[in-house]
Amino acid sequence: MTLNEREAFEEAYLSVGGKQRELELEDGEYTNSKSQLGWELWQIKANTQAVPEGVLVTEDQAKDTARLDFMLQEPRLVTTDVNYDENYDKTGEGFCVNDVYWISGWERLTETVHQTKREAIDKAMIVESESGAEG
């Protein structure tokens, strides 16, 4: 990715309510997990759009644009959920998507933990669309 692409991402990130402090870099990665995930999805979207017309992409690659839009709509982040047994030995790890509130911290959107970030985002998107349909 070029410097111009990173600048374009940061401009878009700030325009949807991101904070300048969330764009701090360390070893080429954003120190804020929401910013880093947004950057990763931005790169995937850029690569997907760079595919010539008529070339097939996987369904998962095509859905990355929707995932990025979902994560940037509201303050959201993907967190790692680690489980330990009574001896403090790690028993499992997964990802959850959380809504972020500046007063109360964060609130879990999903009750289940998923193996990948994409699975966690997909589940949160389904949960939100179902709750929006009921409201």
C-alpha atoms as a PDB file:
ATOM      1  CA  MET A   1       0.000   0.000   0.000  1.00  0.00           C
ATOM      2  CA  THR A   2       1.231   3.461  -0.796  1.00  0.00           C
ATOM      3  CA  LEU A   3       1.322   6.472   1.484  1.00  0.00           C
ATOM      4  CA  ASN A   4      -1.561   7.985  -0.520  1.00  0.00           C
ATOM      5  CA  GLU A   5      -3.731   4.929   0.192  1.00  0.00           C
ATOM      6  CA  ARG A   6      -3.043   5.158   3.923  1.00  0.00           C
ATOM      7  CA  GLU A   7      -3.815   8.899   3.842  1.00  0.00           C
ATOM      8  CA  ALA A   8      -7.090   8.173   2.010  1.00  0.00           C
ATOM      9  CA  PHE A   9      -8.023   5.601   4.671  1.00  0.00           C
ATOM     10  CA  GLU A  10      -7.212   7.989   7.522  1.00  0.00           C
ATOM     11  CA  GLU A  11      -9.226  10.794   5.908  1.00  0.00           C
ATOM     12  CA  ALA A  12     -12.228   8.457   5.479  1.00  0.00           C
ATOM     13  CA  TYR A  13     -11.793   7.122   9.034  1.00  0.00           C
ATOM     14  CA  LEU A  14     -11.825  10.629  10.518  1.00  0.00           C
ATOM     15  CA  SER A  15     -14.821  11.626   8.389  1.00  0.00           C
ATOM     16  CA  VAL A  16     -16.996   8.912   9.980  1.00  0.00           C
ATOM     17  CA  GLY A  17     -16.212   9.988  13.540  1.00  0.00           C
ATOM     18  CA  GLY A  18     -12.843   8.377  14.191  1.00  0.00           C
ATOM     19  CA  LYS A  19     -10.393  10.216  16.425  1.00  0.00           C
ATOM     20  CA  GLN A  20      -6.918  11.354  15.388  1.00  0.00           C
ATOM     21  CA  ARG A  21      -5.404   9.608  18.443  1.00  0.00           C
ATOM     22  CA  GLU A  22      -6.835   6.297  17.158  1.00  0.00           C
ATOM     23  CA  LEU A  23      -4.533   6.580  14.122  1.00  0.00           C
ATOM     24  CA  GLU A  24      -1.259   6.302  16.036  1.00  0.00           C
ATOM     25  CA  LEU A  25       1.143   3.869  14.333  1.00  0.00           C
ATOM     26  CA  GLU A  26       3.599   1.462  15.914  1.00  0.00           C
ATOM     27  CA  ASP A  27       5.687  -0.859  13.729  1.00  0.00           C
ATOM     28  CA  GLY A  28       3.433  -0.124  10.736  1.00  0.00           C
ATOM     29  CA  GLU A  29       0.206  -1.042  12.555  1.00  0.00           C
ATOM     30  CA  TYR A  30      -2.377   1.115  14.291  1.00  0.00           C
ATOM     31  CA  THR A  31      -2.265   0.825  18.077  1.00  0.00           C
ATOM     32  CA  ASN A  32      -6.088   1.094  18.224  1.00  0.00           C
ATOM     33  CA  SER A  33      -7.713  -2.268  17.302  1.00  0.00           C
ATOM     34  CA  LYS A  34     -10.700  -0.639  15.566  1.00  0.00           C
ATOM     35  CA  SER A  35      -8.377   1.474  13.416  1.00  0.00           C
ATOM     36  CA  GLN A  36      -6.212  -1.554  12.595  1.00  0.00           C
ATOM     37  CA  LEU A  37      -9.213  -3.672  11.605  1.00  0.00           C
ATOM     38  CA  GLY A  38     -10.551  -0.815   9.492  1.00  0.00           C
ATOM     39  CA  TRP A  39      -7.163  -0.516   7.749  1.00  0.00           C
ATOM     40  CA  GLU A  40      -7.047  -4.278   7.096  1.00  0.00           C
ATOM     41  CA  LEU A  41     -10.563  -4.241   5.622  1.00  0.00           C
ATOM     42  CA  TRP A  42      -9.705  -1.084   3.618  1.00  0.00           C
ATOM     43  CA  GLN A  43      -6.765  -2.923   2.046  1.00  0.00           C
ATOM     44  CA  ILE A  44      -8.934  -5.935   1.217  1.00  0.00           C
ATOM     45  CA  LYS A  45     -11.550  -3.656  -0.332  1.00  0.00           C
ATOM     46  CA  ALA A  46      -8.876  -1.874  -2.385  1.00  0.00           C
ATOM     47  CA  ASN A  47      -7.518  -5.209  -3.609  1.00  0.00           C
ATOM     48  CA  THR A  48     -11.012  -6.470  -4.442  1.00  0.00           C
ATOM     49  CA  GLN A  49     -11.771  -3.317  -6.432  1.00  0.00           C
ATOM     50  CA  ALA A  50      -8.484  -3.695  -8.289  1.00  0.00           C
ATOM     51  CA  VAL A  51      -9.625  -7.031  -9.756  1.00  0.00           C
ATOM     52  CA  PRO A  52     -10.354  -6.618 -13.494  1.00  0.00           C
ATOM     53  CA  GLU A  53     -13.967  -6.918 -14.606  1.00  0.00           C
ATOM     54  CA  GLY A  54     -14.953 -10.475 -15.388  1.00  0.00           C
ATOM     55  CA  VAL A  55     -12.560 -12.031 -12.857  1.00  0.00           C
ATOM     56  CA  LEU A  56     -14.292 -14.088 -10.194  1.00  0.00           C
ATOM     57  CA  VAL A  57     -13.691 -13.344  -6.534  1.00  0.00           C
ATOM     58  CA  THR A  58     -14.825 -15.413  -3.610  1.00  0.00           C
ATOM     59  CA  GLU A  59     -18.058 -14.582  -1.841  1.00  0.00           C
ATOM     60  CA  ASP A  60     -16.033 -13.754   1.272  1.00  0.00           C
ATOM     61  CA  GLN A  61     -13.896 -11.227  -0.637  1.00  0.00           C
ATOM     62  CA  ALA A  62     -16.992  -9.559  -2.068  1.00  0.00           C
ATOM     63  CA  LYS A  63     -18.542  -9.307   1.410  1.00  0.00           C
ATOM     64  CA  ASP A  64     -15.514  -7.476   2.854  1.00  0.00           C
ATOM     65  CA  THR A  65     -16.918  -4.172   1.576  1.00  0.00           C
ATOM     66  CA  ALA A  66     -20.102  -4.720   3.605  1.00  0.00           C
ATOM     67  CA  ARG A  67     -18.029  -5.696   6.638  1.00  0.00           C
ATOM     68  CA  LEU A  68     -15.977  -2.498   6.436  1.00  0.00           C
ATOM     69  CA  ASP A  69     -19.106  -0.364   6.081  1.00  0.00           C
ATOM     70  CA  PHE A  70     -20.680  -2.110   9.095  1.00  0.00           C
ATOM     71  CA  MET A  71     -17.635  -1.579  11.313  1.00  0.00           C
ATOM     72  CA  LEU A  72     -17.388   2.106  10.398  1.00  0.00           C
ATOM     73  CA  GLN A  73     -21.112   2.931  10.809  1.00  0.00           C
ATOM     74  CA  GLU A  74     -20.911   3.071  14.590  1.00  0.00           C
ATOM     75  CA  PRO A  75     -18.012   2.925  17.039  1.00  0.00           C
ATOM     76  CA  ARG A  76     -17.297  -0.822  16.985  1.00  0.00           C
ATOM     77  CA  LEU A  77     -14.281  -2.982  17.584  1.00  0.00           C
ATOM     78  CA  VAL A  78     -13.327  -6.631  17.497  1.00  0.00           C
ATOM     79  CA  THR A  79     -12.081  -7.953  20.822  1.00  0.00           C
ATOM     80  CA  THR A  80     -10.321 -11.179  21.653  1.00  0.00           C
ATOM     81  CA  ASP A  81     -12.132 -13.315  24.215  1.00  0.00           C
ATOM     82  CA  VAL A  82      -9.783 -15.681  26.087  1.00  0.00           C
ATOM     83  CA  ASN A  83     -11.049 -18.426  28.402  1.00  0.00           C
ATOM     84  CA  TYR A  84      -9.058 -20.003  31.246  1.00  0.00           C
ATOM     85  CA  ASP A  85      -9.696 -23.011  33.464  1.00  0.00           C
ATOM     86  CA  GLU A  86      -9.465 -23.084  37.272  1.00  0.00           C
ATOM     87  CA  ASN A  87      -5.646 -23.457  37.023  1.00  0.00           C
ATOM     88  CA  TYR A  88      -5.430 -20.365  34.794  1.00  0.00           C
ATOM     89  CA  ASP A  89      -4.469 -22.478  31.789  1.00  0.00           C
ATOM     90  CA  LYS A  90      -5.791 -21.089  28.529  1.00  0.00           C
ATOM     91  CA  THR A  91      -8.690 -23.216  27.261  1.00  0.00           C
ATOM     92  CA  GLY A  92      -9.806 -21.245  24.226  1.00  0.00           C
ATOM     93  CA  GLU A  93      -9.764 -17.992  22.340  1.00  0.00           C
ATOM     94  CA  GLY A  94     -12.113 -16.284  19.931  1.00  0.00           C
ATOM     95  CA  PHE A  95     -13.348 -12.958  18.630  1.00  0.00           C
ATOM     96  CA  CYS A  96     -16.391 -10.813  19.468  1.00  0.00           C
ATOM     97  CA  VAL A  97     -17.679  -7.589  17.915  1.00  0.00           C
ATOM     98  CA  ASN A  98     -18.525  -4.924  20.474  1.00  0.00           C
ATOM     99  CA  ASP A  99     -20.348  -1.612  20.362  1.00  0.00           C
ATOM    100  CA  VAL A 100     -18.283   1.108  21.998  1.00  0.00           C
ATOM    101  CA  TYR A 101     -19.846   3.759  24.179  1.00  0.00           C
ATOM    102  CA  TRP A 102     -17.710   6.610  25.438  1.00  0.00           C
ATOM    103  CA  ILE A 103     -19.346   6.544  28.866  1.00  0.00           C
ATOM    104  CA  SER A 104     -19.899   2.871  29.631  1.00  0.00           C
ATOM    105  CA  GLY A 105     -16.970   1.267  27.805  1.00  0.00           C
ATOM    106  CA  TRP A 106     -18.268  -1.457  25.538  1.00  0.00           C
ATOM    107  CA  GLU A 107     -21.198  -3.804  25.242  1.00  0.00           C
ATOM    108  CA  ARG A 108     -21.054  -7.232  23.627  1.00  0.00           C
ATOM    109  CA  LEU A 109     -23.108  -7.520  20.430  1.00  0.00           C
ATOM    110  CA  THR A 110     -22.797 -11.274  20.176  1.00  0.00           C
ATOM    111  CA  GLU A 111     -23.266 -13.911  22.830  1.00  0.00           C
ATOM    112  CA  THR A 112     -20.992 -16.364  21.089  1.00  0.00           C
ATOM    113  CA  VAL A 113     -17.306 -16.181  20.328  1.00  0.00           C
ATOM    114  CA  HIS A 114     -16.083 -16.956  16.815  1.00  0.00           C
ATOM    115  CA  GLN A 115     -12.796 -18.370  15.564  1.00  0.00           C
ATOM    116  CA  THR A 116     -12.085 -15.540  13.097  1.00  0.00           C
ATOM    117  CA  LYS A 117     -12.676 -11.796  12.989  1.00  0.00           C
ATOM    118  CA  ARG A 118     -14.762 -12.215   9.838  1.00  0.00           C
ATOM    119  CA  GLU A 119     -17.076 -14.747  11.522  1.00  0.00           C
ATOM    120  CA  ALA A 120     -17.543 -12.394  14.479  1.00  0.00           C
ATOM    121  CA  ILE A 121     -18.383  -9.443  12.203  1.00  0.00           C
ATOM    122  CA  ASP A 122     -20.799 -11.540  10.135  1.00  0.00           C
ATOM    123  CA  LYS A 123     -22.651 -12.678  13.276  1.00  0.00           C
ATOM    124  CA  ALA A 124     -22.863  -9.103  14.589  1.00  0.00           C
ATOM    125  CA  MET A 125     -24.232  -7.953  11.212  1.00  0.00           C
ATOM    126  CA  ILE A 126     -26.944 -10.634  11.382  1.00  0.00           C
ATOM    127  CA  VAL A 127     -27.814  -9.772  14.992  1.00  0.00           C
ATOM    128  CA  GLU A 128     -28.122  -6.084  14.137  1.00  0.00           C
ATOM    129  CA  SER A 129     -30.255  -6.696  11.032  1.00  0.00           C
ATOM    130  CA  GLU A 130     -32.580  -8.970  13.020  1.00  0.00           C
ATOM    131  CA  SER A 131     -32.915  -6.480  15.881  1.00  0.00           C
ATOM    132  CA  GLY A 132     -33.503  -3.663  13.388  1.00  0.00           C
ATOM    133  CA  ALA A 133     -36.272  -5.673  11.739  1.00  0.00           C
ATOM    134  CA  GLU A 134     -38.062  -6.104  15.079  1.00  0.00           C
ATOM    135  CA  GLY A 135     -37.818  -2.406  16.006  1.00  0.00           C
END
